[in-house]
Every structure is written in structure tokens, then in C-alpha cells.
PDB file of N, CA and C in Angstrom:
ATOM      1  N   MET A   1      -3.881  21.263 -26.648  1.00  0.00           N
ATOM      2  CA  MET A   1      -4.627  20.353 -25.836  1.00  0.00           C
ATOM      3  C   MET A   1      -3.798  20.026 -24.594  1.00  0.00           C
ATOM      4  N   LYS A   2      -4.458  19.788 -23.507  1.00  0.00           N
ATOM      5  CA  LYS A   2      -3.809  19.577 -22.223  1.00  0.00           C
ATOM      6  C   LYS A   2      -3.395  18.123 -21.988  1.00  0.00           C
ATOM      7  N   CYS A   3      -3.950  17.200 -22.713  1.00  0.00           N
ATOM      8  CA  CYS A   3      -3.698  15.771 -22.488  1.00  0.00           C
ATOM      9  C   CYS A   3      -2.472  15.304 -23.260  1.00  0.00           C
ATOM     10  N   LYS A   4      -1.753  14.345 -22.660  1.00  0.00           N
ATOM     11  CA  LYS A   4      -0.610  13.712 -23.314  1.00  0.00           C
ATOM     12  C   LYS A   4      -0.738  12.211 -23.151  1.00  0.00           C
ATOM     13  N   LEU A   5       0.000  11.477 -23.958  1.00  0.00           N
ATOM     14  CA  LEU A   5      -0.047  10.028 -23.951  1.00  0.00           C
ATOM     15  C   LEU A   5       1.291   9.483 -23.486  1.00  0.00           C
ATOM     16  N   LEU A   6       1.273   8.654 -22.463  1.00  0.00           N
ATOM     17  CA  LEU A   6       2.482   8.000 -21.960  1.00  0.00           C
ATOM     18  C   LEU A   6       2.236   6.502 -21.966  1.00  0.00           C
ATOM     19  N   THR A   7       2.982   5.787 -22.791  1.00  0.00           N
ATOM     20  CA  THR A   7       2.857   4.336 -22.861  1.00  0.00           C
ATOM     21  C   THR A   7       3.874   3.726 -21.917  1.00  0.00           C
ATOM     22  N   ILE A   8       3.404   2.967 -20.932  1.00  0.00           N
ATOM     23  CA  ILE A   8       4.287   2.348 -19.946  1.00  0.00           C
ATOM     24  C   ILE A   8       4.540   0.910 -20.370  1.00  0.00           C
ATOM     25  N   THR A   9       5.809   0.596 -20.656  1.00  0.00           N
ATOM     26  CA  THR A   9       6.180  -0.732 -21.114  1.00  0.00           C
ATOM     27  C   THR A   9       7.651  -0.996 -20.831  1.00  0.00           C
ATOM     28  N   ARG A  10       8.016  -2.254 -20.758  1.00  0.00           N
ATOM     29  CA  ARG A  10       9.424  -2.639 -20.622  1.00  0.00           C
ATOM     30  C   ARG A  10      10.026  -3.020 -21.971  1.00  0.00           C
ATOM     31  N   SER A  11       9.212  -3.096 -22.975  1.00  0.00           N
ATOM     32  CA  SER A  11       9.657  -3.489 -24.302  1.00  0.00           C
ATOM     33  C   SER A  11      10.555  -2.417 -24.908  1.00  0.00           C
ATOM     34  N   ARG A  12      11.566  -2.856 -25.644  1.00  0.00           N
ATOM     35  CA  ARG A  12      12.455  -1.898 -26.311  1.00  0.00           C
ATOM     36  C   ARG A  12      11.793  -1.284 -27.539  1.00  0.00           C
ATOM     37  N   ASN A  13      10.931  -2.045 -28.170  1.00  0.00           N
ATOM     38  CA  ASN A  13      10.202  -1.568 -29.347  1.00  0.00           C
ATOM     39  C   ASN A  13       8.703  -1.661 -29.077  1.00  0.00           C
ATOM     40  N   PRO A  14       8.164  -0.697 -28.355  1.00  0.00           N
ATOM     41  CA  PRO A  14       6.736  -0.785 -28.019  1.00  0.00           C
ATOM     42  C   PRO A  14       5.847  -0.531 -29.236  1.00  0.00           C
ATOM     43  N   VAL A  15       4.675  -1.091 -29.174  1.00  0.00           N
ATOM     44  CA  VAL A  15       3.678  -0.853 -30.214  1.00  0.00           C
ATOM     45  C   VAL A  15       3.153   0.570 -30.035  1.00  0.00           C
ATOM     46  N   VAL A  16       3.084   1.295 -31.132  1.00  0.00           N
ATOM     47  CA  VAL A  16       2.649   2.692 -31.080  1.00  0.00           C
ATOM     48  C   VAL A  16       1.165   2.764 -31.435  1.00  0.00           C
ATOM     49  N   PHE A  17       0.405   3.364 -30.552  1.00  0.00           N
ATOM     50  CA  PHE A  17      -1.016   3.583 -30.786  1.00  0.00           C
ATOM     51  C   PHE A  17      -1.269   5.085 -30.880  1.00  0.00           C
ATOM     52  N   TYR A  18      -2.239   5.448 -31.671  1.00  0.00           N
ATOM     53  CA  TYR A  18      -2.628   6.844 -31.788  1.00  0.00           C
ATOM     54  C   TYR A  18      -4.052   6.986 -31.268  1.00  0.00           C
ATOM     55  N   TYR A  19      -4.219   7.855 -30.319  1.00  0.00           N
ATOM     56  CA  TYR A  19      -5.531   8.100 -29.733  1.00  0.00           C
ATOM     57  C   TYR A  19      -5.976   9.507 -30.108  1.00  0.00           C
ATOM     58  N   ASP A  20      -7.243   9.642 -30.407  1.00  0.00           N
ATOM     59  CA  ASP A  20      -7.752  10.982 -30.693  1.00  0.00           C
ATOM     60  C   ASP A  20      -9.092  11.178 -30.008  1.00  0.00           C
ATOM     61  N   LEU A  21      -9.366  12.435 -29.725  1.00  0.00           N
ATOM     62  CA  LEU A  21     -10.615  12.831 -29.093  1.00  0.00           C
ATOM     63  C   LEU A  21     -11.145  14.035 -29.857  1.00  0.00           C
ATOM     64  N   ASP A  22     -12.258  13.873 -30.497  1.00  0.00           N
ATOM     65  CA  ASP A  22     -12.855  14.933 -31.320  1.00  0.00           C
ATOM     66  C   ASP A  22     -11.886  15.442 -32.384  1.00  0.00           C
ATOM     67  N   GLY A  23     -11.122  14.535 -32.976  1.00  0.00           N
ATOM     68  CA  GLY A  23     -10.201  14.917 -34.041  1.00  0.00           C
ATOM     69  C   GLY A  23      -8.849  15.407 -33.566  1.00  0.00           C
ATOM     70  N   ASN A  24      -8.653  15.574 -32.278  1.00  0.00           N
ATOM     71  CA  ASN A  24      -7.361  15.995 -31.739  1.00  0.00           C
ATOM     72  C   ASN A  24      -6.565  14.762 -31.333  1.00  0.00           C
ATOM     73  N   ILE A  25      -5.380  14.590 -31.914  1.00  0.00           N
ATOM     74  CA  ILE A  25      -4.536  13.435 -31.607  1.00  0.00           C
ATOM     75  C   ILE A  25      -3.697  13.755 -30.377  1.00  0.00           C
ATOM     76  N   PHE A  26      -3.660  12.805 -29.426  1.00  0.00           N
ATOM     77  CA  PHE A  26      -2.867  12.990 -28.208  1.00  0.00           C
ATOM     78  C   PHE A  26      -1.382  12.941 -28.540  1.00  0.00           C
ATOM     79  N   GLU A  27      -0.626  13.847 -27.950  1.00  0.00           N
ATOM     80  CA  GLU A  27       0.815  13.894 -28.138  1.00  0.00           C
ATOM     81  C   GLU A  27       1.470  12.798 -27.293  1.00  0.00           C
ATOM     82  N   SER A  28       2.324  11.991 -27.917  1.00  0.00           N
ATOM     83  CA  SER A  28       3.030  10.931 -27.202  1.00  0.00           C
ATOM     84  C   SER A  28       4.296  11.513 -26.579  1.00  0.00           C
ATOM     85  N   THR A  29       4.600  11.107 -25.345  1.00  0.00           N
ATOM     86  CA  THR A  29       5.749  11.645 -24.636  1.00  0.00           C
ATOM     87  C   THR A  29       6.481  10.524 -23.905  1.00  0.00           C
ATOM     88  N   GLY A  30       7.771  10.725 -23.633  1.00  0.00           N
ATOM     89  CA  GLY A  30       8.575   9.730 -22.920  1.00  0.00           C
ATOM     90  C   GLY A  30       8.524   9.903 -21.421  1.00  0.00           C
ATOM     91  N   THR A  31       8.345  11.145 -20.968  1.00  0.00           N
ATOM     92  CA  THR A  31       8.213  11.427 -19.538  1.00  0.00           C
ATOM     93  C   THR A  31       7.052  12.388 -19.341  1.00  0.00           C
ATOM     94  N   PHE A  32       6.483  12.335 -18.155  1.00  0.00           N
ATOM     95  CA  PHE A  32       5.333  13.180 -17.855  1.00  0.00           C
ATOM     96  C   PHE A  32       5.370  13.536 -16.384  1.00  0.00           C
ATOM     97  N   LYS A  33       5.146  14.793 -16.059  1.00  0.00           N
ATOM     98  CA  LYS A  33       5.135  15.244 -14.676  1.00  0.00           C
ATOM     99  C   LYS A  33       3.692  15.487 -14.252  1.00  0.00           C
ATOM    100  N   ASP A  34       3.281  14.788 -13.192  1.00  0.00           N
ATOM    101  CA  ASP A  34       1.921  14.927 -12.690  1.00  0.00           C
ATOM    102  C   ASP A  34       1.973  15.057 -11.176  1.00  0.00           C
ATOM    103  N   LEU A  35       1.421  16.140 -10.651  1.00  0.00           N
ATOM    104  CA  LEU A  35       1.414  16.425  -9.215  1.00  0.00           C
ATOM    105  C   LEU A  35       2.811  16.379  -8.607  1.00  0.00           C
ATOM    106  N   GLY A  36       3.806  16.837  -9.366  1.00  0.00           N
ATOM    107  CA  GLY A  36       5.167  16.920  -8.858  1.00  0.00           C
ATOM    108  C   GLY A  36       5.972  15.644  -8.959  1.00  0.00           C
ATOM    109  N   VAL A  37       5.410  14.581  -9.508  1.00  0.00           N
ATOM    110  CA  VAL A  37       6.124  13.315  -9.664  1.00  0.00           C
ATOM    111  C   VAL A  37       6.374  13.089 -11.150  1.00  0.00           C
ATOM    112  N   ILE A  38       7.631  12.777 -11.499  1.00  0.00           N
ATOM    113  CA  ILE A  38       7.997  12.553 -12.889  1.00  0.00           C
ATOM    114  C   ILE A  38       7.866  11.064 -13.202  1.00  0.00           C
ATOM    115  N   PHE A  39       6.993  10.741 -14.142  1.00  0.00           N
ATOM    116  CA  PHE A  39       6.791   9.366 -14.597  1.00  0.00           C
ATOM    117  C   PHE A  39       7.512   9.192 -15.925  1.00  0.00           C
ATOM    118  N   ASP A  40       8.114   8.028 -16.137  1.00  0.00           N
ATOM    119  CA  ASP A  40       8.706   7.741 -17.435  1.00  0.00           C
ATOM    120  C   ASP A  40       8.094   6.474 -18.009  1.00  0.00           C
ATOM    121  N   LYS A  41       8.500   6.123 -19.230  1.00  0.00           N
ATOM    122  CA  LYS A  41       7.845   5.015 -19.928  1.00  0.00           C
ATOM    123  C   LYS A  41       8.122   3.653 -19.309  1.00  0.00           C
ATOM    124  N   LYS A  42       9.170   3.537 -18.483  1.00  0.00           N
ATOM    125  CA  LYS A  42       9.459   2.268 -17.813  1.00  0.00           C
ATOM    126  C   LYS A  42       9.003   2.264 -16.361  1.00  0.00           C
ATOM    127  N   LEU A  43       8.484   3.373 -15.886  1.00  0.00           N
ATOM    128  CA  LEU A  43       7.973   3.519 -14.529  1.00  0.00           C
ATOM    129  C   LEU A  43       9.044   3.186 -13.488  1.00  0.00           C
ATOM    130  N   CYS A  44      10.280   3.689 -13.740  1.00  0.00           N
ATOM    131  CA  CYS A  44      11.382   3.384 -12.818  1.00  0.00           C
ATOM    132  C   CYS A  44      11.755   4.573 -11.933  1.00  0.00           C
ATOM    133  N   PHE A  45      11.314   5.771 -12.214  1.00  0.00           N
ATOM    134  CA  PHE A  45      11.452   6.967 -11.381  1.00  0.00           C
ATOM    135  C   PHE A  45      12.895   7.432 -11.171  1.00  0.00           C
ATOM    136  N   ASN A  46      13.843   7.003 -11.999  1.00  0.00           N
ATOM    137  CA  ASN A  46      15.225   7.480 -11.866  1.00  0.00           C
ATOM    138  C   ASN A  46      15.315   8.986 -12.082  1.00  0.00           C
ATOM    139  N   SER A  47      14.640   9.487 -13.100  1.00  0.00           N
ATOM    140  CA  SER A  47      14.698  10.926 -13.379  1.00  0.00           C
ATOM    141  C   SER A  47      14.045  11.731 -12.261  1.00  0.00           C
ATOM    142  N   HIS A  48      12.988  11.205 -11.659  1.00  0.00           N
ATOM    143  CA  HIS A  48      12.339  11.902 -10.548  1.00  0.00           C
ATOM    144  C   HIS A  48      13.271  11.969  -9.339  1.00  0.00           C
ATOM    145  N   ILE A  49      13.937  10.877  -9.032  1.00  0.00           N
ATOM    146  CA  ILE A  49      14.838  10.849  -7.874  1.00  0.00           C
ATOM    147  C   ILE A  49      16.003  11.802  -8.085  1.00  0.00           C
ATOM    148  N   LYS A  50      16.579  11.823  -9.291  1.00  0.00           N
ATOM    149  CA  LYS A  50      17.670  12.769  -9.581  1.00  0.00           C
ATOM    150  C   LYS A  50      17.185  14.211  -9.441  1.00  0.00           C
ATOM    151  N   PHE A  51      15.963  14.468  -9.889  1.00  0.00           N
ATOM    152  CA  PHE A  51      15.401  15.814  -9.810  1.00  0.00           C
ATOM    153  C   PHE A  51      15.215  16.261  -8.361  1.00  0.00           C
ATOM    154  N   ILE A  52      14.631  15.410  -7.514  1.00  0.00           N
ATOM    155  CA  ILE A  52      14.377  15.832  -6.132  1.00  0.00           C
ATOM    156  C   ILE A  52      15.659  15.893  -5.311  1.00  0.00           C
ATOM    157  N   VAL A  53      16.651  15.063  -5.637  1.00  0.00           N
ATOM    158  CA  VAL A  53      17.940  15.150  -4.943  1.00  0.00           C
ATOM    159  C   VAL A  53      18.617  16.471  -5.289  1.00  0.00           C
ATOM    160  N   ALA A  54      18.601  16.853  -6.560  1.00  0.00           N
ATOM    161  CA  ALA A  54      19.193  18.131  -6.963  1.00  0.00           C
ATOM    162  C   ALA A  54      18.463  19.303  -6.309  1.00  0.00           C
ATOM    163  N   LYS A  55      17.148  19.230  -6.263  1.00  0.00           N
ATOM    164  CA  LYS A  55      16.355  20.300  -5.649  1.00  0.00           C
ATOM    165  C   LYS A  55      16.634  20.394  -4.149  1.00  0.00           C
ATOM    166  N   SER A  56      16.727  19.255  -3.472  1.00  0.00           N
ATOM    167  CA  SER A  56      17.015  19.243  -2.033  1.00  0.00           C
ATOM    168  C   SER A  56      18.418  19.758  -1.749  1.00  0.00           C
ATOM    169  N   ASN A  57      19.377  19.411  -2.601  1.00  0.00           N
ATOM    170  CA  ASN A  57      20.741  19.923  -2.428  1.00  0.00           C
ATOM    171  C   ASN A  57      20.789  21.437  -2.593  1.00  0.00           C
ATOM    172  N   ARG A  58      20.004  21.967  -3.528  1.00  0.00           N
ATOM    173  CA  ARG A  58      19.939  23.428  -3.684  1.00  0.00           C
ATOM    174  C   ARG A  58      19.366  24.080  -2.434  1.00  0.00           C
ATOM    175  N   VAL A  59      18.329  23.476  -1.857  1.00  0.00           N
ATOM    176  CA  VAL A  59      17.716  24.021  -0.639  1.00  0.00           C
ATOM    177  C   VAL A  59      18.705  23.950   0.521  1.00  0.00           C
ATOM    178  N   CYS A  60      19.434  22.835   0.644  1.00  0.00           N
ATOM    179  CA  CYS A  60      20.433  22.715   1.718  1.00  0.00           C
ATOM    180  C   CYS A  60      21.533  23.758   1.559  1.00  0.00           C
ATOM    181  N   GLY A  61      21.958  24.002   0.321  1.00  0.00           N
ATOM    182  CA  GLY A  61      22.955  25.040   0.071  1.00  0.00           C
ATOM    183  C   GLY A  61      22.434  26.420   0.422  1.00  0.00           C
ATOM    184  N   MET A  62      21.171  26.677   0.122  1.00  0.00           N
ATOM    185  CA  MET A  62      20.559  27.958   0.464  1.00  0.00           C
ATOM    186  C   MET A  62      20.503  28.136   1.976  1.00  0.00           C
ATOM    187  N   ILE A  63      20.195  27.050   2.690  1.00  0.00           N
ATOM    188  CA  ILE A  63      20.153  27.113   4.157  1.00  0.00           C
ATOM    189  C   ILE A  63      21.539  27.442   4.701  1.00  0.00           C
ATOM    190  N   LYS A  64      22.567  26.779   4.188  1.00  0.00           N
ATOM    191  CA  LYS A  64      23.943  27.020   4.656  1.00  0.00           C
ATOM    192  C   LYS A  64      24.371  28.461   4.400  1.00  0.00           C
ATOM    193  N   ARG A  65      24.049  28.979   3.211  1.00  0.00           N
ATOM    194  CA  ARG A  65      24.440  30.352   2.887  1.00  0.00           C
ATOM    195  C   ARG A  65      23.673  31.376   3.714  1.00  0.00           C
ATOM    196  N   SER A  66      22.443  31.068   4.055  1.00  0.00           N
ATOM    197  CA  SER A  66      21.583  32.039   4.732  1.00  0.00           C
ATOM    198  C   SER A  66      21.843  32.167   6.221  1.00  0.00           C
ATOM    199  N   ILE A  67      22.136  31.057   6.895  1.00  0.00           N
ATOM    200  CA  ILE A  67      22.187  31.111   8.355  1.00  0.00           C
ATOM    201  C   ILE A  67      23.573  31.327   8.924  1.00  0.00           C
ATOM    202  N   GLY A  68      24.608  31.062   8.185  1.00  0.00           N
ATOM    203  CA  GLY A  68      25.954  31.256   8.721  1.00  0.00           C
ATOM    204  C   GLY A  68      26.395  30.091   9.593  1.00  0.00           C
ATOM    205  N   TYR A  69      27.515  30.294  10.314  1.00  0.00           N
ATOM    206  CA  TYR A  69      28.122  29.202  11.074  1.00  0.00           C
ATOM    207  C   TYR A  69      27.846  29.282  12.571  1.00  0.00           C
ATOM    208  N   ASN A  70      27.354  30.377  13.062  1.00  0.00           N
ATOM    209  CA  ASN A  70      27.155  30.566  14.501  1.00  0.00           C
ATOM    210  C   ASN A  70      25.817  30.033  15.000  1.00  0.00           C
ATOM    211  N   VAL A  71      25.011  29.481  14.133  1.00  0.00           N
ATOM    212  CA  VAL A  71      23.664  29.037  14.496  1.00  0.00           C
ATOM    213  C   VAL A  71      23.741  27.680  15.198  1.00  0.00           C
ATOM    214  N   PRO A  72      22.963  27.489  16.264  1.00  0.00           N
ATOM    215  CA  PRO A  72      22.961  26.205  16.974  1.00  0.00           C
ATOM    216  C   PRO A  72      22.498  25.046  16.079  1.00  0.00           C
ATOM    217  N   GLN A  73      22.951  23.854  16.428  1.00  0.00           N
ATOM    218  CA  GLN A  73      22.655  22.659  15.640  1.00  0.00           C
ATOM    219  C   GLN A  73      21.154  22.379  15.549  1.00  0.00           C
ATOM    220  N   ASN A  74      20.420  22.640  16.636  1.00  0.00           N
ATOM    221  CA  ASN A  74      18.981  22.349  16.609  1.00  0.00           C
ATOM    222  C   ASN A  74      18.233  23.257  15.623  1.00  0.00           C
ATOM    223  N   VAL A  75      18.708  24.475  15.418  1.00  0.00           N
ATOM    224  CA  VAL A  75      18.082  25.380  14.442  1.00  0.00           C
ATOM    225  C   VAL A  75      18.367  24.885  13.022  1.00  0.00           C
ATOM    226  N   LYS A  76      19.600  24.435  12.777  1.00  0.00           N
ATOM    227  CA  LYS A  76      19.942  23.884  11.462  1.00  0.00           C
ATOM    228  C   LYS A  76      19.093  22.655  11.155  1.00  0.00           C
ATOM    229  N   LEU A  77      18.929  21.802  12.149  1.00  0.00           N
ATOM    230  CA  LEU A  77      18.124  20.597  11.973  1.00  0.00           C
ATOM    231  C   LEU A  77      16.658  20.951  11.707  1.00  0.00           C
ATOM    232  N   LEU A  78      16.153  21.937  12.413  1.00  0.00           N
ATOM    233  CA  LEU A  78      14.773  22.374  12.207  1.00  0.00           C
ATOM    234  C   LEU A  78      14.570  22.918  10.793  1.00  0.00           C
ATOM    235  N   LEU A  79      15.523  23.712  10.304  1.00  0.00           N
ATOM    236  CA  LEU A  79      15.423  24.236   8.942  1.00  0.00           C
ATOM    237  C   LEU A  79      15.482  23.116   7.906  1.00  0.00           C
ATOM    238  N   TYR A  80      16.355  22.134   8.129  1.00  0.00           N
ATOM    239  CA  TYR A  80      16.439  20.990   7.216  1.00  0.00           C
ATOM    240  C   TYR A  80      15.121  20.219   7.191  1.00  0.00           C
ATOM    241  N   LYS A  81      14.577  19.944   8.384  1.00  0.00           N
ATOM    242  CA  LYS A  81      13.328  19.182   8.461  1.00  0.00           C
ATOM    243  C   LYS A  81      12.150  19.953   7.872  1.00  0.00           C
ATOM    244  N   THR A  82      12.224  21.274   7.921  1.00  0.00           N
ATOM    245  CA  THR A  82      11.129  22.106   7.429  1.00  0.00           C
ATOM    246  C   THR A  82      11.207  22.356   5.924  1.00  0.00           C
ATOM    247  N   LEU A  83      12.419  22.559   5.398  1.00  0.00           N
ATOM    248  CA  LEU A  83      12.559  22.975   4.008  1.00  0.00           C
ATOM    249  C   LEU A  83      12.999  21.867   3.051  1.00  0.00           C
ATOM    250  N   ALA A  84      13.960  21.046   3.447  1.00  0.00           N
ATOM    251  CA  ALA A  84      14.526  20.063   2.517  1.00  0.00           C
ATOM    252  C   ALA A  84      13.843  18.700   2.594  1.00  0.00           C
ATOM    253  N   ARG A  85      13.559  18.254   3.784  1.00  0.00           N
ATOM    254  CA  ARG A  85      13.018  16.904   3.952  1.00  0.00           C
ATOM    255  C   ARG A  85      11.650  16.685   3.299  1.00  0.00           C
ATOM    256  N   PRO A  86      10.739  17.666   3.332  1.00  0.00           N
ATOM    257  CA  PRO A  86       9.459  17.453   2.635  1.00  0.00           C
ATOM    258  C   PRO A  86       9.620  17.216   1.131  1.00  0.00           C
ATOM    259  N   LEU A  87      10.653  17.801   0.528  1.00  0.00           N
ATOM    260  CA  LEU A  87      10.902  17.562  -0.893  1.00  0.00           C
ATOM    261  C   LEU A  87      11.242  16.099  -1.147  1.00  0.00           C
ATOM    262  N   LEU A  88      11.969  15.498  -0.211  1.00  0.00           N
ATOM    263  CA  LEU A  88      12.379  14.106  -0.352  1.00  0.00           C
ATOM    264  C   LEU A  88      11.259  13.128  -0.018  1.00  0.00           C
ATOM    265  N   GLU A  89      10.337  13.541   0.819  1.00  0.00           N
ATOM    266  CA  GLU A  89       9.294  12.626   1.279  1.00  0.00           C
ATOM    267  C   GLU A  89       7.985  12.730   0.502  1.00  0.00           C
ATOM    268  N   TYR A  90       7.827  13.768  -0.306  1.00  0.00           N
ATOM    269  CA  TYR A  90       6.562  13.972  -1.008  1.00  0.00           C
ATOM    270  C   TYR A  90       6.290  12.816  -1.974  1.00  0.00           C
ATOM    271  N   ALA A  91       5.169  12.176  -1.837  1.00  0.00           N
ATOM    272  CA  ALA A  91       4.703  11.073  -2.692  1.00  0.00           C
ATOM    273  C   ALA A  91       5.687   9.911  -2.737  1.00  0.00           C
ATOM    274  N   SER A  92       6.431   9.712  -1.665  1.00  0.00           N
ATOM    275  CA  SER A  92       7.446   8.653  -1.655  1.00  0.00           C
ATOM    276  C   SER A  92       6.835   7.256  -1.690  1.00  0.00           C
ATOM    277  N   LEU A  93       5.571   7.124  -1.354  1.00  0.00           N
ATOM    278  CA  LEU A  93       4.921   5.822  -1.467  1.00  0.00           C
ATOM    279  C   LEU A  93       4.776   5.399  -2.925  1.00  0.00           C
ATOM    280  N   ILE A  94       4.724   6.365  -3.818  1.00  0.00           N
ATOM    281  CA  ILE A  94       4.593   6.059  -5.243  1.00  0.00           C
ATOM    282  C   ILE A  94       5.949   5.719  -5.850  1.00  0.00           C
ATOM    283  N   TRP A  95       6.964   6.538  -5.603  1.00  0.00           N
ATOM    284  CA  TRP A  95       8.259   6.377  -6.262  1.00  0.00           C
ATOM    285  C   TRP A  95       9.318   5.722  -5.381  1.00  0.00           C
ATOM    286  N   SER A  96       8.939   5.033  -4.351  1.00  0.00           N
ATOM    287  CA  SER A  96       9.862   4.427  -3.392  1.00  0.00           C
ATOM    288  C   SER A  96      11.044   3.750  -4.092  1.00  0.00           C
ATOM    289  N   PRO A  97      12.279   4.153  -3.759  1.00  0.00           N
ATOM    290  CA  PRO A  97      13.441   3.612  -4.471  1.00  0.00           C
ATOM    291  C   PRO A  97      13.725   2.164  -4.080  1.00  0.00           C
ATOM    292  N   TYR A  98      14.082   1.381  -5.063  1.00  0.00           N
ATOM    293  CA  TYR A  98      14.436  -0.012  -4.813  1.00  0.00           C
ATOM    294  C   TYR A  98      15.843  -0.327  -5.310  1.00  0.00           C
ATOM    295  N   LEU A  99      16.415   0.532  -6.131  1.00  0.00           N
ATOM    296  CA  LEU A  99      17.779   0.339  -6.596  1.00  0.00           C
ATOM    297  C   LEU A  99      18.764   0.947  -5.606  1.00  0.00           C
ATOM    298  N   LYS A 100      19.884   0.277  -5.420  1.00  0.00           N
ATOM    299  CA  LYS A 100      20.907   0.716  -4.468  1.00  0.00           C
ATOM    300  C   LYS A 100      21.413   2.123  -4.809  1.00  0.00           C
ATOM    301  N   LYS A 101      21.620   2.406  -6.104  1.00  0.00           N
ATOM    302  CA  LYS A 101      22.146   3.719  -6.503  1.00  0.00           C
ATOM    303  C   LYS A 101      21.178   4.841  -6.135  1.00  0.00           C
ATOM    304  N   ASN A 102      19.874   4.600  -6.274  1.00  0.00           N
ATOM    305  CA  ASN A 102      18.892   5.627  -5.920  1.00  0.00           C
ATOM    306  C   ASN A 102      18.799   5.823  -4.412  1.00  0.00           C
ATOM    307  N   ILE A 103      18.905   4.741  -3.662  1.00  0.00           N
ATOM    308  CA  ILE A 103      18.885   4.843  -2.199  1.00  0.00           C
ATOM    309  C   ILE A 103      20.089   5.637  -1.718  1.00  0.00           C
ATOM    310  N   LEU A 104      21.261   5.377  -2.303  1.00  0.00           N
ATOM    311  CA  LEU A 104      22.471   6.116  -1.919  1.00  0.00           C
ATOM    312  C   LEU A 104      22.363   7.593  -2.285  1.00  0.00           C
ATOM    313  N   LEU A 105      21.770   7.890  -3.440  1.00  0.00           N
ATOM    314  CA  LEU A 105      21.564   9.292  -3.829  1.00  0.00           C
ATOM    315  C   LEU A 105      20.715  10.025  -2.802  1.00  0.00           C
ATOM    316  N   LEU A 106      19.643   9.391  -2.370  1.00  0.00           N
ATOM    317  CA  LEU A 106      18.747  10.023  -1.401  1.00  0.00           C
ATOM    318  C   LEU A 106      19.404  10.169  -0.036  1.00  0.00           C
ATOM    319  N   GLU A 107      20.201   9.193   0.359  1.00  0.00           N
ATOM    320  CA  GLU A 107      20.839   9.256   1.669  1.00  0.00           C
ATOM    321  C   GLU A 107      21.966  10.282   1.724  1.00  0.00           C
ATOM    322  N   CYS A 108      22.497  10.672   0.574  1.00  0.00           N
ATOM    323  CA  CYS A 108      23.565  11.682   0.555  1.00  0.00           C
ATOM    324  C   CYS A 108      23.046  13.075   0.900  1.00  0.00           C
ATOM    325  N   VAL A 109      21.761  13.301   0.752  1.00  0.00           N
ATOM    326  CA  VAL A 109      21.185  14.605   1.077  1.00  0.00           C
ATOM    327  C   VAL A 109      21.057  14.673   2.567  1.00  0.00           C
TER     328      VAL A 109
END
């Protein structure tokens, strides 16, 4: 079945509910990825931010390895804005960081 169950709560011991549809019980999960955004049970987006920072760092490393050192600064900036920055900005209205550690992680890219 394609559906999963994610209970969003701040409680340490949440109440467990079982939902079924036509006899199929929904699988309960701690994290869920939907449209490229990772949601967790506390809705804090720490795992999503770590994921996109790692992905953006890989893209930045690929850019550095591919273009060499003789390329003008404006070309490097254009490649960064085209390839890495959209990864950081996608759906940022949903997962907007509010913790200092997450803001620093994003600014390091």
C-alpha cells in the first residue's frame, strides 16, 4: 500500500492509533518524505536541513572539481546560483529554520 501514517506530536509517549482502509492497516513511520521535504514526528525539520545541506555540499564539490581554478568568479557564482542554491531554497517556506544551529548549517553552504 502506498499510504503511511505519521503522528505529529511533542509527547514522549504518544497515543498509538491504528487506521485501516478496506482491511489494510496503515504502516506507522517516524519520518516521511513528501515532495522532497522530510517530515518527522515532531515537525522540526532537522533531518531535512541536514539532508539538503549535505546534498548542496556535494553539488558545490562537483562544481569545484568540474570547472577548475581558471574560471572567472562570475561563472562560479552563476553555477552556484543555478545548481546549489535551488536545493537550499526549495519549499523553504515550509521548513524555515528557527534554531541557531540549523541557520548556521545553511549559511555554511
